[in-house]
N, C-alpha and C. Protein backbone atom coordinates (compact mmCIF):
# COMPACT_ATOMS: atom_id res chain seq x y z
N MET A 1 125.35 85.71 119.15
CA MET A 1 124.61 86.89 119.86
C MET A 1 123.30 86.72 120.01
N GLN A 2 122.67 87.11 120.49
CA GLN A 2 121.24 86.47 120.82
C GLN A 2 120.08 87.19 119.75
N THR A 3 119.17 87.01 119.17
CA THR A 3 118.87 87.75 118.03
C THR A 3 117.28 88.57 118.55
N ARG A 4 117.01 89.48 118.60
CA ARG A 4 115.68 90.46 119.19
C ARG A 4 114.66 90.69 117.98
N ARG A 5 113.95 90.79 118.11
CA ARG A 5 112.59 91.78 117.55
C ARG A 5 112.78 93.20 117.62
N ALA A 6 112.41 93.90 116.42
CA ALA A 6 112.34 94.93 116.58
C ALA A 6 111.16 95.58 115.91
N VAL A 7 111.02 96.96 116.15
CA VAL A 7 110.15 97.95 115.16
C VAL A 7 110.98 98.60 114.67
N PHE A 8 110.95 99.12 113.35
CA PHE A 8 111.36 100.11 112.67
C PHE A 8 110.16 101.27 112.27
N LEU A 9 110.20 102.48 112.83
CA LEU A 9 109.47 103.49 112.60
C LEU A 9 110.05 104.48 111.73
N ASP A 10 109.58 105.06 110.97
CA ASP A 10 109.95 105.87 109.94
C ASP A 10 109.27 107.19 110.77
N ARG A 11 109.95 108.26 110.70
CA ARG A 11 110.03 109.34 111.26
C ARG A 11 108.71 110.19 111.11
N ASP A 12 108.63 111.04 109.93
CA ASP A 12 107.57 111.66 109.57
C ASP A 12 106.22 110.89 108.91
N GLY A 13 105.18 110.97 109.81
CA GLY A 13 104.06 110.95 109.36
C GLY A 13 103.76 109.79 110.24
N VAL A 14 104.74 109.29 111.29
CA VAL A 14 104.48 108.39 112.25
C VAL A 14 104.93 108.92 113.48
N LEU A 15 106.02 108.90 113.75
CA LEU A 15 106.37 109.83 115.15
C LEU A 15 105.98 111.40 115.01
N ASN A 16 105.81 111.61 114.05
CA ASN A 16 105.75 113.31 113.99
C ASN A 16 105.03 113.86 112.91
N LYS A 17 104.14 114.89 113.11
CA LYS A 17 103.33 115.19 112.08
C LYS A 17 104.01 115.41 110.28
N ALA A 18 103.71 114.81 109.51
CA ALA A 18 103.71 115.40 108.22
C ALA A 18 103.27 116.51 107.72
N ILE A 19 104.17 117.39 106.94
CA ILE A 19 103.65 118.21 106.59
C ILE A 19 103.12 118.20 105.23
N VAL A 20 101.39 117.81 105.13
CA VAL A 20 100.75 118.14 103.67
C VAL A 20 100.47 119.37 103.03
N CYS A 21 101.01 119.18 101.78
CA CYS A 21 100.63 119.97 100.97
C CYS A 21 100.46 119.70 99.34
N ASN A 22 99.36 120.05 99.15
CA ASN A 22 98.92 119.84 97.73
C ASN A 22 98.42 118.03 97.61
N GLY A 23 98.06 117.59 98.80
CA GLY A 23 98.28 116.29 98.40
C GLY A 23 99.67 115.17 98.73
N LYS A 24 100.71 116.05 98.89
CA LYS A 24 101.67 115.25 99.08
C LYS A 24 102.68 115.67 100.45
N ALA A 25 103.17 114.77 100.85
CA ALA A 25 103.51 114.60 102.61
C ALA A 25 104.88 115.07 102.13
N TYR A 26 105.59 116.00 103.36
CA TYR A 26 106.95 117.00 103.26
C TYR A 26 107.51 116.34 104.77
N SER A 27 108.51 116.44 105.31
CA SER A 27 109.02 116.54 106.30
C SER A 27 109.36 118.03 106.80
N PRO A 28 109.02 117.93 108.17
CA PRO A 28 109.39 119.38 109.11
C PRO A 28 110.66 120.01 108.70
N ARG A 29 110.85 121.27 108.21
CA ARG A 29 111.97 121.83 108.11
C ARG A 29 112.21 122.64 109.10
N SER A 30 111.59 122.74 110.42
CA SER A 30 112.12 123.80 111.23
C SER A 30 111.44 123.13 112.44
N LYS A 31 111.97 123.80 113.60
CA LYS A 31 111.87 123.32 115.16
C LYS A 31 110.02 123.67 114.90
N GLU A 32 109.49 124.41 114.82
CA GLU A 32 108.10 125.03 114.93
C GLU A 32 107.28 124.00 114.03
N GLU A 33 107.98 123.52 113.03
CA GLU A 33 106.47 122.35 112.07
C GLU A 33 106.92 121.10 112.93
N PHE A 34 107.83 121.08 113.46
CA PHE A 34 108.41 119.58 114.58
C PHE A 34 107.42 119.12 115.57
N ILE A 35 106.05 118.54 115.22
CA ILE A 35 105.22 118.18 116.66
C ILE A 35 105.05 116.51 116.08
N ILE A 36 105.47 116.51 117.43
CA ILE A 36 105.47 114.47 117.84
C ILE A 36 104.02 114.23 118.31
N VAL A 37 103.59 113.22 117.30
CA VAL A 37 102.32 112.82 117.16
C VAL A 37 101.94 112.54 118.91
N ASP A 38 100.59 112.59 119.16
CA ASP A 38 99.99 112.66 120.60
C ASP A 38 100.05 110.66 120.64
N ASP A 39 100.76 110.15 122.01
CA ASP A 39 100.82 109.01 122.34
C ASP A 39 101.88 108.21 121.80
N ALA A 40 102.77 109.09 121.26
CA ALA A 40 103.83 108.36 120.60
C ALA A 40 104.97 107.77 121.80
N ALA A 41 104.85 108.43 122.87
CA ALA A 41 105.76 107.88 123.78
C ALA A 41 105.24 106.61 124.59
N ASP A 42 104.01 106.57 124.48
CA ASP A 42 103.40 105.68 124.72
C ASP A 42 103.22 104.21 123.98
N ALA A 43 103.24 104.54 123.01
CA ALA A 43 103.04 103.38 121.80
C ALA A 43 104.34 103.07 121.99
N VAL A 44 105.99 103.82 122.05
CA VAL A 44 106.79 103.15 122.24
C VAL A 44 107.34 102.35 123.58
N ALA A 45 106.49 102.79 124.49
CA ALA A 45 106.83 101.94 125.72
C ALA A 45 106.25 100.73 125.58
N ASP A 46 104.92 100.88 125.47
CA ASP A 46 104.39 99.51 124.72
C ASP A 46 105.51 98.47 124.15
N LEU A 47 105.75 98.93 123.23
CA LEU A 47 106.50 98.17 122.24
C LEU A 47 107.89 97.77 123.00
N ARG A 48 108.43 98.08 123.97
CA ARG A 48 109.40 98.09 124.55
C ARG A 48 109.03 96.97 125.82
N ASP A 49 108.00 97.17 126.44
CA ASP A 49 107.73 96.62 127.54
C ASP A 49 107.63 94.88 127.06
N ALA A 50 107.10 95.12 125.53
CA ALA A 50 107.05 93.71 124.95
C ALA A 50 108.05 92.96 124.80
N GLY A 51 109.13 93.82 124.78
CA GLY A 51 110.29 93.12 124.37
C GLY A 51 110.86 93.33 122.96
N PHE A 52 110.30 94.48 122.35
CA PHE A 52 111.11 94.78 121.34
C PHE A 52 112.04 95.88 121.45
N LYS A 53 113.06 96.11 120.45
CA LYS A 53 113.74 96.87 120.35
C LYS A 53 112.93 97.95 119.22
N VAL A 54 113.39 99.32 119.52
CA VAL A 54 112.36 100.55 118.49
C VAL A 54 113.68 101.41 117.70
N PHE A 55 113.30 101.40 116.62
CA PHE A 55 114.79 102.26 116.14
C PHE A 55 113.49 103.49 114.97
N VAL A 56 114.47 104.42 115.14
CA VAL A 56 113.65 105.39 113.65
C VAL A 56 114.90 105.29 112.77
N VAL A 57 113.99 105.30 111.10
CA VAL A 57 114.75 104.78 110.11
C VAL A 57 114.19 106.21 109.23
N THR A 58 114.99 107.29 109.29
CA THR A 58 114.30 108.06 108.43
C THR A 58 115.03 108.53 107.33
N ASN A 59 114.47 109.10 105.95
CA ASN A 59 115.21 109.80 104.62
C ASN A 59 115.02 111.38 105.36
N GLN A 60 116.41 111.93 105.55
CA GLN A 60 116.40 113.34 105.45
C GLN A 60 116.90 113.89 104.17
N PRO A 61 116.35 113.85 103.01
CA PRO A 61 117.19 114.64 102.10
C PRO A 61 117.23 116.17 101.84
N ASP A 62 116.17 116.79 102.67
CA ASP A 62 116.68 118.15 102.91
C ASP A 62 117.92 118.48 103.55
N ILE A 63 118.80 117.88 103.80
CA ILE A 63 120.02 118.09 104.33
C ILE A 63 120.94 117.79 103.21
N ALA A 64 120.54 117.33 102.39
CA ALA A 64 121.22 117.63 100.84
C ALA A 64 120.77 118.55 100.35
N ARG A 65 119.94 118.69 100.31
CA ARG A 65 119.04 120.00 99.48
C ARG A 65 119.32 121.30 100.04
N GLY A 66 120.00 121.24 101.10
CA GLY A 66 120.06 122.78 101.60
C GLY A 66 118.48 123.44 102.78
N PHE A 67 117.75 122.42 102.75
CA PHE A 67 116.54 122.85 103.19
C PHE A 67 116.48 122.83 104.88
N LEU A 68 117.19 122.09 105.44
CA LEU A 68 117.11 121.49 106.64
C LEU A 68 118.52 121.48 107.16
N SER A 69 118.91 122.18 107.99
CA SER A 69 120.29 122.58 108.59
C SER A 69 120.35 121.53 109.34
N GLN A 70 121.47 120.96 109.74
CA GLN A 70 122.40 119.62 110.71
C GLN A 70 121.57 120.34 112.11
N ALA A 71 121.66 121.44 112.26
CA ALA A 71 121.53 121.85 113.80
C ALA A 71 120.03 121.38 113.90
N ASP A 72 119.01 122.05 113.31
CA ASP A 72 117.64 121.66 113.53
C ASP A 72 117.66 119.96 113.17
N LEU A 73 117.72 119.51 112.87
CA LEU A 73 117.82 117.83 112.38
C LEU A 73 118.58 117.30 113.76
N LYS A 74 119.59 117.81 114.33
CA LYS A 74 120.36 117.40 115.54
C LYS A 74 119.33 117.68 116.95
N TRP A 75 118.65 118.77 116.85
CA TRP A 75 117.60 119.23 117.91
C TRP A 75 116.04 118.07 117.79
N MET A 76 115.71 117.77 116.66
CA MET A 76 114.72 116.88 116.36
C MET A 76 114.89 116.10 116.44
N THR A 77 116.23 114.85 116.19
CA THR A 77 116.60 113.80 117.06
C THR A 77 116.44 113.68 118.26
N GLU A 78 117.17 114.92 119.15
CA GLU A 78 117.28 114.55 120.44
C GLU A 78 116.10 114.65 121.11
N LYS A 79 115.22 115.44 120.23
CA LYS A 79 113.42 115.76 120.77
C LYS A 79 112.92 114.38 120.75
N ILE A 80 113.11 113.38 119.64
CA ILE A 80 112.48 112.26 119.96
C ILE A 80 113.53 111.07 120.95
N LEU A 81 114.43 111.44 120.93
CA LEU A 81 115.10 110.23 121.96
C LEU A 81 114.43 110.82 123.38
N SER A 82 114.18 112.09 123.64
CA SER A 82 113.99 112.43 124.85
C SER A 82 113.02 112.36 125.38
N GLU A 83 111.94 112.45 124.41
CA GLU A 83 110.27 111.96 124.62
C GLU A 83 109.53 110.70 124.30
N THR A 84 110.38 109.97 123.42
CA THR A 84 109.88 108.95 122.83
C THR A 84 110.70 107.44 123.53
N TYR A 85 112.04 107.67 123.61
CA TYR A 85 112.93 106.72 124.59
C TYR A 85 113.08 105.88 123.39
N VAL A 86 112.92 105.65 122.33
CA VAL A 86 113.44 105.14 121.35
C VAL A 86 114.70 104.49 121.71
N ASP A 87 115.20 103.04 120.75
CA ASP A 87 116.89 102.89 121.30
C ASP A 87 118.03 103.37 120.55
N GLU A 88 117.18 104.18 118.85
CA GLU A 88 118.70 104.62 118.32
C GLU A 88 117.37 105.21 117.40
N VAL A 89 118.08 106.66 116.67
CA VAL A 89 117.83 106.75 115.42
C VAL A 89 118.46 107.17 114.44
N LEU A 90 118.09 106.60 113.28
CA LEU A 90 119.16 106.60 112.31
C LEU A 90 118.60 107.27 110.99
N VAL A 91 119.54 108.11 110.28
CA VAL A 91 118.93 109.30 109.69
C VAL A 91 120.04 109.23 107.93
N CYS A 92 119.49 109.08 106.84
CA CYS A 92 119.60 108.81 105.70
C CYS A 92 119.91 110.50 105.24
N PRO A 93 121.02 111.05 105.23
CA PRO A 93 120.83 112.44 104.58
C PRO A 93 120.99 113.00 102.84
N HIS A 94 120.99 111.80 102.52
CA HIS A 94 121.35 111.97 101.07
C HIS A 94 120.02 112.02 100.38
N ASP A 95 120.31 112.59 98.78
CA ASP A 95 118.86 112.72 97.80
C ASP A 95 119.10 111.42 96.97
N ASP A 96 118.21 111.22 96.17
CA ASP A 96 118.21 110.01 95.38
C ASP A 96 119.24 109.49 94.63
N HIS A 97 119.88 110.80 93.94
CA HIS A 97 120.93 110.94 92.92
C HIS A 97 122.32 110.20 93.64
N HIS A 98 122.49 110.36 95.04
CA HIS A 98 123.65 109.90 95.90
C HIS A 98 123.75 108.21 95.68
N LYS A 99 122.21 107.68 95.56
CA LYS A 99 122.18 106.01 95.14
C LYS A 99 123.15 105.31 96.35
N CYS A 100 122.81 106.06 97.53
CA CYS A 100 123.38 105.37 98.68
C CYS A 100 122.76 103.82 99.01
N ALA A 101 123.23 103.15 100.18
CA ALA A 101 122.35 101.88 100.43
C ALA A 101 121.71 102.20 101.69
N CYS A 102 121.90 103.18 102.28
CA CYS A 102 121.06 103.88 103.68
C CYS A 102 119.50 104.18 103.38
N ARG A 103 119.65 105.03 102.00
CA ARG A 103 117.84 105.64 101.55
C ARG A 103 116.99 104.47 101.19
N LYS A 104 116.08 104.72 102.04
CA LYS A 104 114.95 103.91 101.69
C LYS A 104 114.52 104.43 100.75
N PRO A 105 113.95 103.01 99.43
CA PRO A 105 113.84 101.91 99.91
C PRO A 105 114.80 100.93 99.85
N ALA A 106 115.91 101.30 99.78
CA ALA A 106 116.96 100.55 100.26
C ALA A 106 117.08 100.26 101.89
N PRO A 107 117.50 98.91 101.99
CA PRO A 107 117.23 98.68 103.47
C PRO A 107 118.52 99.22 104.41
N GLY A 108 118.95 99.63 104.31
CA GLY A 108 120.61 100.11 104.69
C GLY A 108 120.80 100.09 106.23
N MET A 109 119.68 101.07 106.64
CA MET A 109 119.31 101.40 107.83
C MET A 109 118.92 100.24 108.82
N LEU A 110 118.03 99.60 108.34
CA LEU A 110 117.09 98.43 108.60
C LEU A 110 118.64 97.33 109.08
N ILE A 111 119.44 97.00 107.91
CA ILE A 111 120.70 96.18 107.83
C ILE A 111 121.88 96.52 108.93
N GLU A 112 122.01 97.98 109.10
CA GLU A 112 122.76 98.19 109.93
C GLU A 112 122.38 98.04 111.48
N CYS A 113 120.93 97.96 111.93
CA CYS A 113 120.50 97.45 112.98
C CYS A 113 120.35 96.17 113.16
N TYR A 114 120.27 95.33 112.29
CA TYR A 114 120.16 94.01 112.28
C TYR A 114 121.68 93.64 113.10
N GLN A 115 122.78 94.55 112.24
CA GLN A 115 124.42 94.12 112.44
C GLN A 115 124.69 94.51 114.07
N LYS A 116 124.23 95.80 114.07
CA LYS A 116 124.81 96.47 115.49
C LYS A 116 123.59 95.62 116.39
N TRP A 117 122.48 95.51 116.37
CA TRP A 117 122.04 94.94 117.83
C TRP A 117 121.15 93.80 117.73
N GLY A 118 121.79 92.93 116.69
CA GLY A 118 121.38 91.31 116.59
C GLY A 118 119.69 91.58 116.51
N ILE A 119 119.42 92.04 115.35
CA ILE A 119 117.81 92.26 115.40
C ILE A 119 117.43 90.93 114.67
N ASP A 120 116.65 89.87 114.73
CA ASP A 120 115.83 89.07 113.88
C ASP A 120 115.07 89.96 112.71
N LEU A 121 115.49 90.51 111.81
CA LEU A 121 114.28 91.25 110.78
C LEU A 121 113.24 90.63 110.35
N LEU A 122 112.97 89.06 110.01
CA LEU A 122 112.67 88.09 110.09
C LEU A 122 111.11 88.27 110.87
N ASP A 123 111.43 88.54 111.95
CA ASP A 123 110.50 89.04 113.28
C ASP A 123 110.26 90.16 113.75
N SER A 124 110.35 91.06 113.14
CA SER A 124 110.68 92.55 112.95
C SER A 124 109.71 93.38 112.34
N TYR A 125 109.06 94.60 112.34
CA TYR A 125 108.36 94.99 112.03
C TYR A 125 108.64 96.52 111.19
N MET A 126 108.27 96.96 109.93
CA MET A 126 108.49 98.15 109.58
C MET A 126 107.28 98.93 110.03
N VAL A 127 106.95 100.25 110.41
CA VAL A 127 105.65 101.14 110.39
C VAL A 127 106.29 102.36 109.59
N GLY A 128 105.18 102.57 108.42
CA GLY A 128 105.91 103.94 107.45
C GLY A 128 104.84 104.49 107.04
N ASP A 129 104.57 105.39 106.69
CA ASP A 129 103.87 106.44 105.74
C ASP A 129 103.75 106.63 104.02
N GLY A 130 104.97 105.72 103.60
CA GLY A 130 105.17 105.95 102.16
C GLY A 130 105.70 104.25 101.63
N TRP A 131 105.61 104.55 100.54
CA TRP A 131 106.03 103.17 99.38
C TRP A 131 107.34 102.52 99.81
N LYS A 132 108.19 104.05 99.91
CA LYS A 132 109.69 103.87 100.50
C LYS A 132 109.63 103.12 101.44
N ASP A 133 108.93 103.27 102.41
CA ASP A 133 109.13 102.59 104.18
C ASP A 133 108.67 101.11 103.58
N MET A 134 107.49 100.90 103.14
CA MET A 134 107.15 99.27 103.21
C MET A 134 108.43 98.70 101.84
N GLU A 135 108.59 99.01 101.04
CA GLU A 135 109.65 98.54 100.33
C GLU A 135 111.21 98.22 101.21
N ALA A 136 111.53 99.01 101.85
CA ALA A 136 112.52 99.19 102.54
C ALA A 136 112.39 98.03 103.70
N GLY A 137 111.49 97.67 104.50
CA GLY A 137 110.77 96.91 105.02
C GLY A 137 110.78 95.23 104.64
N LYS A 138 110.14 95.32 103.64
CA LYS A 138 109.82 94.61 102.69
C LYS A 138 111.38 93.70 101.82
N ASN A 139 112.53 94.66 101.97
CA ASN A 139 113.73 94.41 101.08
C ASN A 139 114.30 93.76 102.30
N ALA A 140 114.36 94.09 103.66
CA ALA A 140 114.76 93.51 104.70
C ALA A 140 114.31 92.63 105.04
N GLY A 141 113.11 92.18 104.80
CA GLY A 141 112.61 90.98 105.50
C GLY A 141 111.44 91.19 106.33
N CYS A 142 111.35 92.32 106.84
CA CYS A 142 110.17 92.54 107.80
C CYS A 142 108.68 92.71 107.47
N LYS A 143 108.04 92.44 108.36
CA LYS A 143 106.26 92.75 108.14
C LYS A 143 106.27 94.30 108.18
N CYS A 144 105.33 94.58 107.13
CA CYS A 144 105.09 96.37 106.82
C CYS A 144 103.72 96.66 107.25
N ILE A 145 103.33 97.74 107.59
CA ILE A 145 102.54 98.22 108.41
C ILE A 145 102.32 99.78 108.12
N LEU A 146 101.38 100.37 107.12
CA LEU A 146 101.04 101.59 106.46
C LEU A 146 100.40 102.42 107.43
N ILE A 147 101.03 103.71 107.88
CA ILE A 147 99.74 104.27 108.49
C ILE A 147 99.17 105.15 107.32
N ASP A 148 97.86 104.83 107.64
CA ASP A 148 97.09 105.39 106.31
C ASP A 148 96.71 106.88 106.27
N ALA A 149 97.14 107.38 105.32
CA ALA A 149 96.96 108.78 105.12
C ALA A 149 95.92 109.25 103.67
N GLU A 150 95.83 110.55 103.45
CA GLU A 150 95.20 110.83 102.19
C GLU A 150 96.33 110.73 100.98
N TYR A 151 97.58 110.88 101.53
CA TYR A 151 98.51 111.14 100.40
C TYR A 151 99.29 109.66 100.27
N ASN A 152 98.58 108.83 100.85
CA ASN A 152 99.29 107.15 100.55
C ASN A 152 98.63 106.16 100.03
N LYS A 153 97.35 106.38 99.42
CA LYS A 153 96.48 105.46 99.18
C LYS A 153 97.07 104.63 97.88
N GLY A 154 96.56 103.28 98.18
CA GLY A 154 97.03 102.56 97.19
C GLY A 154 98.78 102.33 97.43
N VAL A 155 99.39 102.47 98.74
CA VAL A 155 100.51 101.92 98.94
C VAL A 155 100.24 100.29 99.53
N PRO A 156 100.84 99.38 98.93
CA PRO A 156 101.09 97.90 99.29
C PRO A 156 101.46 97.65 100.66
N ALA A 157 101.02 97.19 101.85
CA ALA A 157 101.61 97.02 103.07
C ALA A 157 100.76 95.86 103.73
N ASP A 158 101.43 94.79 104.53
CA ASP A 158 100.68 93.83 105.21
C ASP A 158 99.54 93.93 105.93
N TRP A 159 99.48 95.22 106.76
CA TRP A 159 98.47 95.97 107.10
C TRP A 159 98.58 97.10 106.69
N CYS A 160 97.39 98.02 107.54
CA CYS A 160 97.17 99.15 107.35
C CYS A 160 96.53 99.49 108.71
N ALA A 161 97.05 100.64 109.13
CA ALA A 161 96.37 101.32 110.46
C ALA A 161 96.39 102.78 110.54
N ASN A 162 95.40 103.42 110.88
CA ASN A 162 95.03 105.02 111.15
C ASN A 162 96.09 105.76 112.35
N SER A 163 96.94 105.09 112.84
CA SER A 163 98.07 105.72 113.76
C SER A 163 99.28 104.89 114.52
N LEU A 164 99.95 105.50 115.22
CA LEU A 164 100.70 104.68 115.36
C LEU A 164 100.27 103.82 116.48
N VAL A 165 99.58 104.59 116.94
CA VAL A 165 99.11 103.36 118.77
C VAL A 165 98.31 102.22 117.77
N GLU A 166 97.26 102.39 116.72
CA GLU A 166 96.79 101.11 115.99
C GLU A 166 97.72 100.01 115.85
N ALA A 167 98.64 100.73 114.86
CA ALA A 167 99.84 99.77 114.57
C ALA A 167 100.63 98.90 115.60
N VAL A 168 100.90 99.58 116.84
CA VAL A 168 101.47 98.96 117.76
C VAL A 168 100.43 97.89 118.24
N LYS A 169 99.25 98.38 118.28
CA LYS A 169 98.06 97.40 118.50
C LYS A 169 98.02 95.87 117.88
N ILE A 170 98.21 96.26 116.30
CA ILE A 170 98.44 95.38 115.32
C ILE A 170 99.33 94.30 115.60
N ILE A 171 100.61 94.65 116.19
CA ILE A 171 102.07 94.08 116.54
C ILE A 171 101.97 93.29 117.45
N LEU A 172 101.48 94.10 118.73
CA LEU A 172 101.37 93.34 120.14
C LEU A 172 100.06 92.36 120.29
N GLY A 173 99.23 92.04 119.12
CA GLY A 173 98.21 91.15 118.78
C GLY A 173 98.63 89.98 118.22
N ARG A 174 99.59 90.08 117.34
CA ARG A 174 100.35 88.80 116.94
C ARG A 174 100.96 88.10 117.65
């Protein structure tokens, strides 16, 4: 199988706006709160044009907690797929106490893409806005780019960017 480079994107705070309350980021819990960031589609297109596969890997524990319906999650996923043209959206619906292999910081969703798509994880990138994203990327062997925000100061990463567009420029400049 031919190996491919990929960019793994966290969802909330990267592709769509996170809900920030009292200095902490939360996932949107309704269609009304779900807003895809400006230029997300162009950023994904630039990555795909450069030969990268693009995947969304997202923890959505609000499913397990009963704060997000399956129907709204499905709507959000379809919106991402139809507006940004990523290759696939992978969702972990579990909470921390489930101790699953897919919930970031575990690299399970990235490993799943490696197995399904023939991804070269050592030549791939994880872009996220939290420590769990950076750890998942590191645990899979990827290079990591943190989208800088007030709620994630001090999170270690290989690079920091102010936006998804800036993260893509870092990737394409390498």
